[in-house]
Amino acid sequence: MTAISTSWRRVGLAAPTWLVRHAGVLAVLLLIGLFTTARSDVFLTGPNLLNVSQQIAVVAVLAAGLTLLMTAGGIDFSLGAIAAVAHGVTAQLIVAGLSDGLAVVLVLAMGAVIGLANGAMITLFNVTPFVATLASSTALGGTALLIIDGQSVSIGDHLLMIGFGEVLGVIPVLVVIATAVCAAVGALMRWTAFGRNAFAIGGNESAARLSGIPVVRTKLLLYTLGGLLAALGGVMLVARLGAASPGAGGLHLELTVVAAVVIGGTALHGGSGTMVGTVLGVLLLGVVANSLNLLQINPYYQDVALGAVLAVAAIANHLRARRT
């Protein structure tokens, strides 16, 4: 990619940094799109593209929080479980008679508290992020099923604006929410001291601490934000489905989220990452899943494809880190 960028500059064309950095993901996305288009008349239709955008909206929201966290060298494997708990609690609060607005606010606060608890385990009790968040994921996964008693809980015509509303008569509100979250997190990473602190911690935590950066406070805020966004994803799930159900609450979604972030070029060891890359990673996984469905390929191959793409992305990240 460096050679391509140099060649463009020689002829007076300055390639955008994000385009050079994510050219590989864009190339794979284009190839899959062309392959699917050649074999399915449905792929490039408006309804299908809108369906893909709605399907990836929740993943994008969770991935936004994880991207910021991973730039600081952290990880959170409980995001899917937090979303699952949030989607069940949202349904139960609405069924209990709370207004939609109050139910959403309480669920977002709950997600933030869970994220803060994860951060506290990691920063105050020195539990490794993998162990702490995996423990949370296991406990929350069971809690999510207990909340709805393993059954579907319908919310009727509540949260219709979030789940089925449209902006300008065509853009789903779910997509607008995901876009706003990704843009806000991207701005936070690029233009704020908080974002710069996250990068500094991921690059060298000891040096960041010696330079006066509040490492513990920053990490606590990062995990809190991740929990809040995961809860927002849970609200979006129940709004889109119109019910909380055991098989659609976000459990095990964290693998897809981690894969999207890693595919987007965020370093597993911290210190680098972009929201543009994460959005491309989310989009790539969404297109792969949609293509497999349209081509009527065994759905079990989706997990195979996800694992393969994640492995390739991890290797690419390692090679990129060795070059820099």
C-alpha atoms as a PDB file:
ATOM      1  CA  MET A   1       0.000   0.000   0.000  1.00  0.00           C
ATOM      2  CA  THR A   2       2.950   2.328   0.651  1.00  0.00           C
ATOM      3  CA  ALA A   3       4.191   1.792  -2.916  1.00  0.00           C
ATOM      4  CA  ILE A   4       0.754   2.634  -4.293  1.00  0.00           C
ATOM      5  CA  SER A   5       0.601   5.808  -2.228  1.00  0.00           C
ATOM      6  CA  THR A   6       4.101   6.839  -3.396  1.00  0.00           C
ATOM      7  CA  SER A   7       3.191   6.247  -7.033  1.00  0.00           C
ATOM      8  CA  TRP A   8       0.070   8.389  -6.739  1.00  0.00           C
ATOM      9  CA  ARG A   9       2.076  11.226  -5.190  1.00  0.00           C
ATOM     10  CA  ARG A  10       4.558  11.128  -8.073  1.00  0.00           C
ATOM     11  CA  VAL A  11       1.793  11.880 -10.550  1.00  0.00           C
ATOM     12  CA  GLY A  12       0.326  14.587  -8.367  1.00  0.00           C
ATOM     13  CA  LEU A  13      -2.429  12.567  -6.725  1.00  0.00           C
ATOM     14  CA  ALA A  14      -2.524  12.431  -2.933  1.00  0.00           C
ATOM     15  CA  ALA A  15      -4.381   9.320  -1.835  1.00  0.00           C
ATOM     16  CA  PRO A  16      -6.405   9.820   1.347  1.00  0.00           C
ATOM     17  CA  THR A  17      -4.716   8.206   4.339  1.00  0.00           C
ATOM     18  CA  TRP A  18      -7.782   6.165   5.247  1.00  0.00           C
ATOM     19  CA  LEU A  19      -8.009   4.818   1.680  1.00  0.00           C
ATOM     20  CA  VAL A  20      -4.393   3.651   1.689  1.00  0.00           C
ATOM     21  CA  ARG A  21      -4.657   2.176   5.176  1.00  0.00           C
ATOM     22  CA  HIS A  22      -7.832   0.208   4.485  1.00  0.00           C
ATOM     23  CA  ALA A  23      -7.291  -0.620   0.807  1.00  0.00           C
ATOM     24  CA  GLY A  24      -7.149  -4.346   1.591  1.00  0.00           C
ATOM     25  CA  VAL A  25     -10.548  -4.424   3.289  1.00  0.00           C
ATOM     26  CA  LEU A  26     -12.050  -2.285   0.533  1.00  0.00           C
ATOM     27  CA  ALA A  27     -10.658  -4.626  -2.118  1.00  0.00           C
ATOM     28  CA  VAL A  28     -12.121  -7.712  -0.410  1.00  0.00           C
ATOM     29  CA  LEU A  29     -15.459  -5.921   0.043  1.00  0.00           C
ATOM     30  CA  LEU A  30     -15.521  -5.006  -3.639  1.00  0.00           C
ATOM     31  CA  LEU A  31     -14.651  -8.525  -4.774  1.00  0.00           C
ATOM     32  CA  ILE A  32     -17.352 -10.109  -2.623  1.00  0.00           C
ATOM     33  CA  GLY A  33     -19.865  -7.549  -3.847  1.00  0.00           C
ATOM     34  CA  LEU A  34     -19.028  -8.205  -7.495  1.00  0.00           C
ATOM     35  CA  PHE A  35     -19.107 -11.978  -6.994  1.00  0.00           C
ATOM     36  CA  THR A  36     -22.517 -11.880  -5.285  1.00  0.00           C
ATOM     37  CA  THR A  37     -23.935  -9.404  -7.810  1.00  0.00           C
ATOM     38  CA  ALA A  38     -22.965 -11.730 -10.652  1.00  0.00           C
ATOM     39  CA  ARG A  39     -24.922 -14.569  -9.047  1.00  0.00           C
ATOM     40  CA  SER A  40     -27.866 -12.803  -7.452  1.00  0.00           C
ATOM     41  CA  ASP A  41     -30.167 -10.133  -8.840  1.00  0.00           C
ATOM     42  CA  VAL A  42     -31.220  -9.211  -5.314  1.00  0.00           C
ATOM     43  CA  PHE A  43     -27.890  -8.083  -3.834  1.00  0.00           C
ATOM     44  CA  LEU A  44     -27.766  -4.536  -5.205  1.00  0.00           C
ATOM     45  CA  THR A  45     -31.466  -3.803  -4.771  1.00  0.00           C
ATOM     46  CA  GLY A  46     -32.544  -1.047  -2.392  1.00  0.00           C
ATOM     47  CA  PRO A  47     -34.513  -3.295  -0.026  1.00  0.00           C
ATOM     48  CA  ASN A  48     -31.589  -5.714   0.368  1.00  0.00           C
ATOM     49  CA  LEU A  49     -29.045  -2.961   1.003  1.00  0.00           C
ATOM     50  CA  LEU A  50     -31.354  -1.380   3.589  1.00  0.00           C
ATOM     51  CA  ASN A  51     -31.786  -4.787   5.196  1.00  0.00           C
ATOM     52  CA  VAL A  52     -28.003  -5.221   5.428  1.00  0.00           C
ATOM     53  CA  SER A  53     -27.617  -1.755   6.952  1.00  0.00           C
ATOM     54  CA  GLN A  54     -30.227  -2.533   9.605  1.00  0.00           C
ATOM     55  CA  GLN A  55     -28.655  -5.900  10.396  1.00  0.00           C
ATOM     56  CA  ILE A  56     -25.215  -4.389  11.002  1.00  0.00           C
ATOM     57  CA  ALA A  57     -26.429  -1.338  12.947  1.00  0.00           C
ATOM     58  CA  VAL A  58     -26.269  -3.051  16.348  1.00  0.00           C
ATOM     59  CA  VAL A  59     -22.844  -4.553  15.629  1.00  0.00           C
ATOM     60  CA  ALA A  60     -21.595  -1.100  14.599  1.00  0.00           C
ATOM     61  CA  VAL A  61     -22.728   0.462  17.884  1.00  0.00           C
ATOM     62  CA  LEU A  62     -21.013  -2.212  19.991  1.00  0.00           C
ATOM     63  CA  ALA A  63     -17.923  -2.108  17.791  1.00  0.00           C
ATOM     64  CA  ALA A  64     -17.619   1.660  18.238  1.00  0.00           C
ATOM     65  CA  GLY A  65     -17.185   1.292  21.977  1.00  0.00           C
ATOM     66  CA  LEU A  66     -14.807  -1.639  21.593  1.00  0.00           C
ATOM     67  CA  THR A  67     -12.637   0.256  19.108  1.00  0.00           C
ATOM     68  CA  LEU A  68     -11.997   3.050  21.580  1.00  0.00           C
ATOM     69  CA  LEU A  69     -11.340   0.506  24.327  1.00  0.00           C
ATOM     70  CA  MET A  70      -8.934  -1.560  22.243  1.00  0.00           C
ATOM     71  CA  THR A  71      -6.884   1.498  21.279  1.00  0.00           C
ATOM     72  CA  ALA A  72      -6.126   1.732  25.008  1.00  0.00           C
ATOM     73  CA  GLY A  73      -4.992  -1.903  25.074  1.00  0.00           C
ATOM     74  CA  GLY A  74      -8.226  -3.203  26.619  1.00  0.00           C
ATOM     75  CA  ILE A  75     -10.762  -5.812  25.543  1.00  0.00           C
ATOM     76  CA  ASP A  76     -14.319  -6.626  26.528  1.00  0.00           C
ATOM     77  CA  PHE A  77     -15.876 -10.001  25.801  1.00  0.00           C
ATOM     78  CA  SER A  78     -19.059  -9.171  27.717  1.00  0.00           C
ATOM     79  CA  LEU A  79     -20.532  -6.664  25.251  1.00  0.00           C
ATOM     80  CA  GLY A  80     -22.874  -9.192  23.653  1.00  0.00           C
ATOM     81  CA  ALA A  81     -24.070 -10.366  27.066  1.00  0.00           C
ATOM     82  CA  ILE A  82     -24.652  -6.768  28.197  1.00  0.00           C
ATOM     83  CA  ALA A  83     -26.735  -6.216  25.057  1.00  0.00           C
ATOM     84  CA  ALA A  84     -28.683  -9.400  25.821  1.00  0.00           C
ATOM     85  CA  VAL A  85     -29.430  -8.286  29.386  1.00  0.00           C
ATOM     86  CA  ALA A  86     -30.388  -4.832  28.140  1.00  0.00           C
ATOM     87  CA  HIS A  87     -32.799  -6.189  25.555  1.00  0.00           C
ATOM     88  CA  GLY A  88     -34.510  -8.376  28.163  1.00  0.00           C
ATOM     89  CA  VAL A  89     -34.699  -5.658  30.814  1.00  0.00           C
ATOM     90  CA  THR A  90     -36.067  -3.165  28.276  1.00  0.00           C
ATOM     91  CA  ALA A  91     -38.904  -5.528  27.363  1.00  0.00           C
ATOM     92  CA  GLN A  92     -39.744  -6.326  30.977  1.00  0.00           C
ATOM     93  CA  LEU A  93     -39.751  -2.650  32.009  1.00  0.00           C
ATOM     94  CA  ILE A  94     -42.093  -1.753  29.162  1.00  0.00           C
ATOM     95  CA  VAL A  95     -44.398  -4.689  29.976  1.00  0.00           C
ATOM     96  CA  ALA A  96     -44.382  -3.503  33.607  1.00  0.00           C
ATOM     97  CA  GLY A  97     -45.842  -0.177  32.482  1.00  0.00           C
ATOM     98  CA  LEU A  98     -42.863   2.195  32.320  1.00  0.00           C
ATOM     99  CA  SER A  99     -42.777   4.730  29.535  1.00  0.00           C
ATOM    100  CA  ASP A 100     -40.511   3.994  26.594  1.00  0.00           C
ATOM    101  CA  GLY A 101     -38.220   6.922  27.377  1.00  0.00           C
ATOM    102  CA  LEU A 102     -37.777   6.039  31.052  1.00  0.00           C
ATOM    103  CA  ALA A 103     -37.186   2.369  30.242  1.00  0.00           C
ATOM    104  CA  VAL A 104     -34.458   3.270  27.741  1.00  0.00           C
ATOM    105  CA  VAL A 105     -32.750   5.701  30.149  1.00  0.00           C
ATOM    106  CA  LEU A 106     -32.726   3.118  32.946  1.00  0.00           C
ATOM    107  CA  VAL A 107     -31.331   0.426  30.662  1.00  0.00           C
ATOM    108  CA  LEU A 108     -28.563   2.709  29.386  1.00  0.00           C
ATOM    109  CA  ALA A 109     -27.661   3.563  32.973  1.00  0.00           C
ATOM    110  CA  MET A 110     -27.591  -0.146  33.810  1.00  0.00           C
ATOM    111  CA  GLY A 111     -25.233  -0.819  30.910  1.00  0.00           C
ATOM    112  CA  ALA A 112     -22.927   1.965  32.059  1.00  0.00           C
ATOM    113  CA  VAL A 113     -22.854   0.539  35.597  1.00  0.00           C
ATOM    114  CA  ILE A 114     -22.004  -2.946  34.292  1.00  0.00           C
ATOM    115  CA  GLY A 115     -19.215  -1.472  32.188  1.00  0.00           C
ATOM    116  CA  LEU A 116     -17.942   0.471  35.200  1.00  0.00           C
ATOM    117  CA  ALA A 117     -17.935  -2.747  37.255  1.00  0.00           C
ATOM    118  CA  ASN A 118     -15.855  -4.459  34.553  1.00  0.00           C
ATOM    119  CA  GLY A 119     -13.455  -1.536  34.562  1.00  0.00           C
ATOM    120  CA  ALA A 120     -13.196  -1.623  38.350  1.00  0.00           C
ATOM    121  CA  MET A 121     -12.307  -5.325  38.349  1.00  0.00           C
ATOM    122  CA  ILE A 122      -9.568  -4.641  35.830  1.00  0.00           C
ATOM    123  CA  THR A 123      -8.089  -1.394  37.145  1.00  0.00           C
ATOM    124  CA  LEU A 124      -8.661  -1.604  40.896  1.00  0.00           C
ATOM    125  CA  PHE A 125      -8.242  -5.349  41.451  1.00  0.00           C
ATOM    126  CA  ASN A 126      -5.736  -6.031  38.647  1.00  0.00           C
ATOM    127  CA  VAL A 127      -7.826  -8.772  37.034  1.00  0.00           C
ATOM    128  CA  THR A 128      -6.766  -9.287  33.423  1.00  0.00           C
ATOM    129  CA  PRO A 129      -9.339  -7.883  30.939  1.00  0.00           C
ATOM    130  CA  PHE A 130      -9.828 -11.275  29.298  1.00  0.00           C
ATOM    131  CA  VAL A 131     -10.687 -13.030  32.575  1.00  0.00           C
ATOM    132  CA  ALA A 132     -12.772 -10.174  33.996  1.00  0.00           C
ATOM    133  CA  THR A 133     -14.962  -9.658  30.949  1.00  0.00           C
ATOM    134  CA  LEU A 134     -15.259 -13.384  30.216  1.00  0.00           C
ATOM    135  CA  ALA A 135     -16.527 -13.897  33.772  1.00  0.00           C
ATOM    136  CA  SER A 136     -19.005 -11.046  33.276  1.00  0.00           C
ATOM    137  CA  SER A 137     -20.112 -12.489  29.960  1.00  0.00           C
ATOM    138  CA  THR A 138     -20.828 -15.882  31.510  1.00  0.00           C
ATOM    139  CA  ALA A 139     -22.771 -14.437  34.443  1.00  0.00           C
ATOM    140  CA  LEU A 140     -24.686 -11.939  32.325  1.00  0.00           C
ATOM    141  CA  GLY A 141     -25.511 -14.560  29.702  1.00  0.00           C
ATOM    142  CA  GLY A 142     -27.357 -16.610  32.304  1.00  0.00           C
ATOM    143  CA  THR A 143     -28.953 -13.487  33.750  1.00  0.00           C
ATOM    144  CA  ALA A 144     -30.267 -12.499  30.322  1.00  0.00           C
ATOM    145  CA  LEU A 145     -32.130 -15.795  30.021  1.00  0.00           C
ATOM    146  CA  LEU A 146     -33.438 -15.580  33.597  1.00  0.00           C
ATOM    147  CA  ILE A 147     -34.829 -12.088  32.997  1.00  0.00           C
ATOM    148  CA  ILE A 148     -37.157 -13.302  30.260  1.00  0.00           C
ATOM    149  CA  ASP A 149     -37.481 -16.795  31.773  1.00  0.00           C
ATOM    150  CA  GLY A 150     -36.294 -18.329  28.520  1.00  0.00           C
ATOM    151  CA  GLN A 151     -39.413 -17.134  26.685  1.00  0.00           C
ATOM    152  CA  SER A 152     -40.280 -14.422  24.185  1.00  0.00           C
ATOM    153  CA  VAL A 153     -41.566 -11.175  25.738  1.00  0.00           C
ATOM    154  CA  SER A 154     -43.454  -8.952  23.280  1.00  0.00           C
ATOM    155  CA  ILE A 155     -43.367  -5.154  23.619  1.00  0.00           C
ATOM    156  CA  GLY A 156     -46.307  -4.610  21.293  1.00  0.00           C
ATOM    157  CA  ASP A 157     -46.216  -1.277  19.484  1.00  0.00           C
ATOM    158  CA  HIS A 158     -43.609   0.294  21.788  1.00  0.00           C
ATOM    159  CA  LEU A 159     -40.276   1.647  20.508  1.00  0.00           C
ATOM    160  CA  LEU A 160     -41.660   1.708  16.977  1.00  0.00           C
ATOM    161  CA  MET A 161     -39.779   4.895  16.125  1.00  0.00           C
ATOM    162  CA  ILE A 162     -36.448   3.276  16.955  1.00  0.00           C
ATOM    163  CA  GLY A 163     -37.159  -0.099  15.402  1.00  0.00           C
ATOM    164  CA  PHE A 164     -39.131   0.864  12.309  1.00  0.00           C
ATOM    165  CA  GLY A 165     -38.907   4.641  11.974  1.00  0.00           C
ATOM    166  CA  GLU A 166     -37.300   6.312   8.973  1.00  0.00           C
ATOM    167  CA  VAL A 167     -35.565   9.615   8.387  1.00  0.00           C
ATOM    168  CA  LEU A 168     -36.427  11.400   5.130  1.00  0.00           C
ATOM    169  CA  GLY A 169     -38.756   8.509   4.402  1.00  0.00           C
ATOM    170  CA  VAL A 170     -35.984   6.074   3.487  1.00  0.00           C
ATOM    171  CA  ILE A 171     -33.110   5.927   6.015  1.00  0.00           C
ATOM    172  CA  PRO A 172     -33.917   3.624   8.978  1.00  0.00           C
ATOM    173  CA  VAL A 173     -33.598   5.234  12.407  1.00  0.00           C
ATOM    174  CA  LEU A 174     -31.440   2.268  13.474  1.00  0.00           C
ATOM    175  CA  VAL A 175     -28.915   3.217  10.790  1.00  0.00           C
ATOM    176  CA  VAL A 176     -29.053   6.881  11.824  1.00  0.00           C
ATOM    177  CA  ILE A 177     -28.327   5.924  15.445  1.00  0.00           C
ATOM    178  CA  ALA A 178     -25.410   3.692  14.433  1.00  0.00           C
ATOM    179  CA  THR A 179     -23.998   6.381  12.154  1.00  0.00           C
ATOM    180  CA  ALA A 180     -24.265   9.034  14.866  1.00  0.00           C
ATOM    181  CA  VAL A 181     -22.559   6.781  17.430  1.00  0.00           C
ATOM    182  CA  CYS A 182     -19.705   5.874  15.075  1.00  0.00           C
ATOM    183  CA  ALA A 183     -19.213   9.519  14.079  1.00  0.00           C
ATOM    184  CA  ALA A 184     -19.202  10.652  17.718  1.00  0.00           C
ATOM    185  CA  VAL A 185     -16.707   7.994  18.777  1.00  0.00           C
ATOM    186  CA  GLY A 186     -14.551   8.763  15.745  1.00  0.00           C
ATOM    187  CA  ALA A 187     -14.511  12.452  16.693  1.00  0.00           C
ATOM    188  CA  LEU A 188     -13.716  11.524  20.293  1.00  0.00           C
ATOM    189  CA  MET A 189     -10.740   9.460  19.159  1.00  0.00           C
ATOM    190  CA  ARG A 190      -9.403  12.026  16.728  1.00  0.00           C
ATOM    191  CA  TRP A 191      -9.998  15.423  18.271  1.00  0.00           C
ATOM    192  CA  THR A 192     -10.205  15.127  22.066  1.00  0.00           C
ATOM    193  CA  ALA A 193      -7.702  14.781  24.888  1.00  0.00           C
ATOM    194  CA  PHE A 194      -9.637  11.742  26.096  1.00  0.00           C
ATOM    195  CA  GLY A 195      -9.081  10.004  22.771  1.00  0.00           C
ATOM    196  CA  ARG A 196      -5.401  10.917  22.727  1.00  0.00           C
ATOM    197  CA  ASN A 197      -5.073   9.557  26.259  1.00  0.00           C
ATOM    198  CA  ALA A 198      -6.562   6.238  25.121  1.00  0.00           C
ATOM    199  CA  PHE A 199      -4.015   5.960  22.311  1.00  0.00           C
ATOM    200  CA  ALA A 200      -1.182   6.878  24.678  1.00  0.00           C
ATOM    201  CA  ILE A 201      -2.230   4.231  27.204  1.00  0.00           C
ATOM    202  CA  GLY A 202      -2.425   1.587  24.494  1.00  0.00           C
ATOM    203  CA  GLY A 203       0.953   2.605  23.113  1.00  0.00           C
ATOM    204  CA  ASN A 204       2.797   2.508  26.436  1.00  0.00           C
ATOM    205  CA  GLU A 205       0.824   2.489  29.662  1.00  0.00           C
ATOM    206  CA  SER A 206       3.819   3.079  31.909  1.00  0.00           C
ATOM    207  CA  ALA A 207       4.950   6.084  29.881  1.00  0.00           C
ATOM    208  CA  ALA A 208       1.392   7.419  29.833  1.00  0.00           C
ATOM    209  CA  ARG A 209       1.188   7.178  33.624  1.00  0.00           C
ATOM    210  CA  LEU A 210       4.552   8.918  34.058  1.00  0.00           C
ATOM    211  CA  SER A 211       3.460  11.706  31.725  1.00  0.00           C
ATOM    212  CA  GLY A 212       0.533  12.506  33.984  1.00  0.00           C
ATOM    213  CA  ILE A 213      -2.300  10.814  32.103  1.00  0.00           C
ATOM    214  CA  PRO A 214      -4.984   9.538  34.532  1.00  0.00           C
ATOM    215  CA  VAL A 215      -4.740   5.911  33.417  1.00  0.00           C
ATOM    216  CA  VAL A 216      -7.165   4.394  35.918  1.00  0.00           C
ATOM    217  CA  ARG A 217      -9.833   7.037  35.397  1.00  0.00           C
ATOM    218  CA  THR A 218      -9.506   6.823  31.622  1.00  0.00           C
ATOM    219  CA  LYS A 219      -9.875   3.044  31.639  1.00  0.00           C
ATOM    220  CA  LEU A 220     -12.899   3.225  33.924  1.00  0.00           C
ATOM    221  CA  LEU A 221     -14.546   5.701  31.550  1.00  0.00           C
ATOM    222  CA  LEU A 222     -13.707   3.541  28.533  1.00  0.00           C
ATOM    223  CA  TYR A 223     -15.319   0.432  30.014  1.00  0.00           C
ATOM    224  CA  THR A 224     -18.285   2.512  31.194  1.00  0.00           C
ATOM    225  CA  LEU A 225     -18.796   3.895  27.687  1.00  0.00           C
ATOM    226  CA  GLY A 226     -18.487   0.400  26.232  1.00  0.00           C
ATOM    227  CA  GLY A 227     -21.189  -0.893  28.588  1.00  0.00           C
ATOM    228  CA  LEU A 228     -23.481   2.031  27.781  1.00  0.00           C
ATOM    229  CA  LEU A 229     -23.163   1.480  24.029  1.00  0.00           C
ATOM    230  CA  ALA A 230     -23.720  -2.264  24.454  1.00  0.00           C
ATOM    231  CA  ALA A 231     -26.937  -1.484  26.332  1.00  0.00           C
ATOM    232  CA  LEU A 232     -27.958   0.857  23.508  1.00  0.00           C
ATOM    233  CA  GLY A 233     -27.400  -2.037  21.126  1.00  0.00           C
ATOM    234  CA  GLY A 234     -29.726  -4.166  23.258  1.00  0.00           C
ATOM    235  CA  VAL A 235     -32.428  -1.483  23.077  1.00  0.00           C
ATOM    236  CA  MET A 236     -32.028  -1.372  19.308  1.00  0.00           C
ATOM    237  CA  LEU A 237     -32.379  -5.159  19.129  1.00  0.00           C
ATOM    238  CA  VAL A 238     -35.637  -5.320  21.038  1.00  0.00           C
ATOM    239  CA  ALA A 239     -36.989  -2.327  19.116  1.00  0.00           C
ATOM    240  CA  ARG A 240     -36.261  -3.953  15.764  1.00  0.00           C
ATOM    241  CA  LEU A 241     -37.655  -7.352  16.747  1.00  0.00           C
ATOM    242  CA  GLY A 242     -40.614  -6.041  18.720  1.00  0.00           C
ATOM    243  CA  ALA A 243     -39.851  -8.562  21.434  1.00  0.00           C
ATOM    244  CA  ALA A 244     -37.129  -9.955  23.667  1.00  0.00           C
ATOM    245  CA  SER A 245     -36.382 -13.569  22.846  1.00  0.00           C
ATOM    246  CA  PRO A 246     -33.759 -16.106  23.985  1.00  0.00           C
ATOM    247  CA  GLY A 247     -32.239 -16.630  20.546  1.00  0.00           C
ATOM    248  CA  ALA A 248     -31.975 -13.014  19.397  1.00  0.00           C
ATOM    249  CA  GLY A 249     -30.751 -11.016  22.345  1.00  0.00           C
ATOM    250  CA  GLY A 250     -27.136 -10.482  21.391  1.00  0.00           C
ATOM    251  CA  LEU A 251     -25.556 -13.423  23.232  1.00  0.00           C
ATOM    252  CA  HIS A 252     -22.286 -14.447  21.550  1.00  0.00           C
ATOM    253  CA  LEU A 253     -22.375 -11.263  19.471  1.00  0.00           C
ATOM    254  CA  GLU A 254     -19.028 -10.266  20.949  1.00  0.00           C
ATOM    255  CA  LEU A 255     -17.099 -12.526  18.537  1.00  0.00           C
ATOM    256  CA  THR A 256     -18.578 -10.680  15.568  1.00  0.00           C
ATOM    257  CA  VAL A 257     -17.840  -7.338  17.222  1.00  0.00           C
ATOM    258  CA  VAL A 258     -14.229  -8.232  17.990  1.00  0.00           C
ATOM    259  CA  ALA A 259     -13.800  -9.580  14.450  1.00  0.00           C
ATOM    260  CA  ALA A 260     -15.119  -6.354  12.926  1.00  0.00           C
ATOM    261  CA  VAL A 261     -12.778  -4.209  15.001  1.00  0.00           C
ATOM    262  CA  VAL A 262      -9.729  -6.361  14.250  1.00  0.00           C
ATOM    263  CA  ILE A 263     -10.577  -6.534  10.539  1.00  0.00           C
ATOM    264  CA  GLY A 264     -10.775  -2.736  10.599  1.00  0.00           C
ATOM    265  CA  GLY A 265      -7.118  -2.577  11.637  1.00  0.00           C
ATOM    266  CA  THR A 266      -7.338  -1.799  15.349  1.00  0.00           C
ATOM    267  CA  ALA A 267      -4.286  -3.318  17.008  1.00  0.00           C
ATOM    268  CA  LEU A 268      -4.939  -6.091  19.508  1.00  0.00           C
ATOM    269  CA  HIS A 269      -2.163  -4.722  21.713  1.00  0.00           C
ATOM    270  CA  GLY A 270      -3.515  -1.155  21.574  1.00  0.00           C
ATOM    271  CA  GLY A 271      -2.082   2.117  20.393  1.00  0.00           C
ATOM    272  CA  SER A 272      -3.735   2.314  16.958  1.00  0.00           C
ATOM    273  CA  GLY A 273      -7.162   2.120  15.393  1.00  0.00           C
ATOM    274  CA  THR A 274      -9.747   4.117  13.457  1.00  0.00           C
ATOM    275  CA  MET A 275     -13.519   4.230  13.339  1.00  0.00           C
ATOM    276  CA  VAL A 276     -13.397   4.246   9.534  1.00  0.00           C
ATOM    277  CA  GLY A 277     -11.650   0.887   9.655  1.00  0.00           C
ATOM    278  CA  THR A 278     -14.141  -0.506  12.158  1.00  0.00           C
ATOM    279  CA  VAL A 279     -17.111   0.589  10.026  1.00  0.00           C
ATOM    280  CA  LEU A 280     -15.527  -1.123   7.023  1.00  0.00           C
ATOM    281  CA  GLY A 281     -14.969  -4.248   9.113  1.00  0.00           C
ATOM    282  CA  VAL A 282     -18.615  -4.260  10.218  1.00  0.00           C
ATOM    283  CA  LEU A 283     -19.746  -3.711   6.642  1.00  0.00           C
ATOM    284  CA  LEU A 284     -17.534  -6.528   5.350  1.00  0.00           C
ATOM    285  CA  LEU A 285     -18.952  -9.036   7.829  1.00  0.00           C
ATOM    286  CA  GLY A 286     -22.494  -7.891   7.033  1.00  0.00           C
ATOM    287  CA  VAL A 287     -21.933  -8.295   3.299  1.00  0.00           C
ATOM    288  CA  VAL A 288     -20.353 -11.736   3.781  1.00  0.00           C
ATOM    289  CA  ALA A 289     -23.344 -12.932   5.834  1.00  0.00           C
ATOM    290  CA  ASN A 290     -25.818 -11.455   3.358  1.00  0.00           C
ATOM    291  CA  SER A 291     -23.994 -12.979   0.391  1.00  0.00           C
ATOM    292  CA  LEU A 292     -24.001 -16.425   1.958  1.00  0.00           C
ATOM    293  CA  ASN A 293     -27.742 -16.110   2.568  1.00  0.00           C
ATOM    294  CA  LEU A 294     -28.510 -14.923  -0.959  1.00  0.00           C
ATOM    295  CA  LEU A 295     -26.411 -17.699  -2.475  1.00  0.00           C
ATOM    296  CA  GLN A 296     -28.252 -20.208  -0.257  1.00  0.00           C
ATOM    297  CA  ILE A 297     -25.061 -21.515   1.294  1.00  0.00           C
ATOM    298  CA  ASN A 298     -25.331 -23.573   4.480  1.00  0.00           C
ATOM    299  CA  PRO A 299     -25.603 -21.055   7.350  1.00  0.00           C
ATOM    300  CA  TYR A 300     -23.029 -22.998   9.362  1.00  0.00           C
ATOM    301  CA  TYR A 301     -20.455 -21.763   6.875  1.00  0.00           C
ATOM    302  CA  GLN A 302     -21.037 -18.240   8.209  1.00  0.00           C
ATOM    303  CA  ASP A 303     -19.160 -19.163  11.387  1.00  0.00           C
ATOM    304  CA  VAL A 304     -16.427 -20.744   9.277  1.00  0.00           C
ATOM    305  CA  ALA A 305     -16.168 -17.575   7.192  1.00  0.00           C
ATOM    306  CA  LEU A 306     -16.145 -15.381  10.300  1.00  0.00           C
ATOM    307  CA  GLY A 307     -13.326 -17.383  11.876  1.00  0.00           C
ATOM    308  CA  ALA A 308     -11.304 -17.386   8.661  1.00  0.00           C
ATOM    309  CA  VAL A 309     -11.684 -13.644   8.130  1.00  0.00           C
ATOM    310  CA  LEU A 310     -10.742 -12.974  11.754  1.00  0.00           C
ATOM    311  CA  ALA A 311      -7.618 -15.142  11.467  1.00  0.00           C
ATOM    312  CA  VAL A 312      -6.518 -13.375   8.282  1.00  0.00           C
ATOM    313  CA  ALA A 313      -7.159  -9.966   9.862  1.00  0.00           C
ATOM    314  CA  ALA A 314      -5.133 -10.860  12.962  1.00  0.00           C
ATOM    315  CA  ILE A 315      -2.218 -11.998  10.791  1.00  0.00           C
ATOM    316  CA  ALA A 316      -2.453  -8.819   8.720  1.00  0.00           C
ATOM    317  CA  ASN A 317      -2.422  -6.736  11.903  1.00  0.00           C
ATOM    318  CA  HIS A 318       0.690  -8.542  13.101  1.00  0.00           C
ATOM    319  CA  LEU A 319       2.487  -7.987   9.795  1.00  0.00           C
ATOM    320  CA  ARG A 320       1.468  -4.333   9.768  1.00  0.00           C
ATOM    321  CA  ALA A 321       2.804  -3.881  13.302  1.00  0.00           C
ATOM    322  CA  ARG A 322       6.167  -5.419  12.297  1.00  0.00           C
ATOM    323  CA  ARG A 323       6.509  -2.963   9.409  1.00  0.00           C
ATOM    324  CA  THR A 324       5.861   0.081  11.622  1.00  0.00           C
END
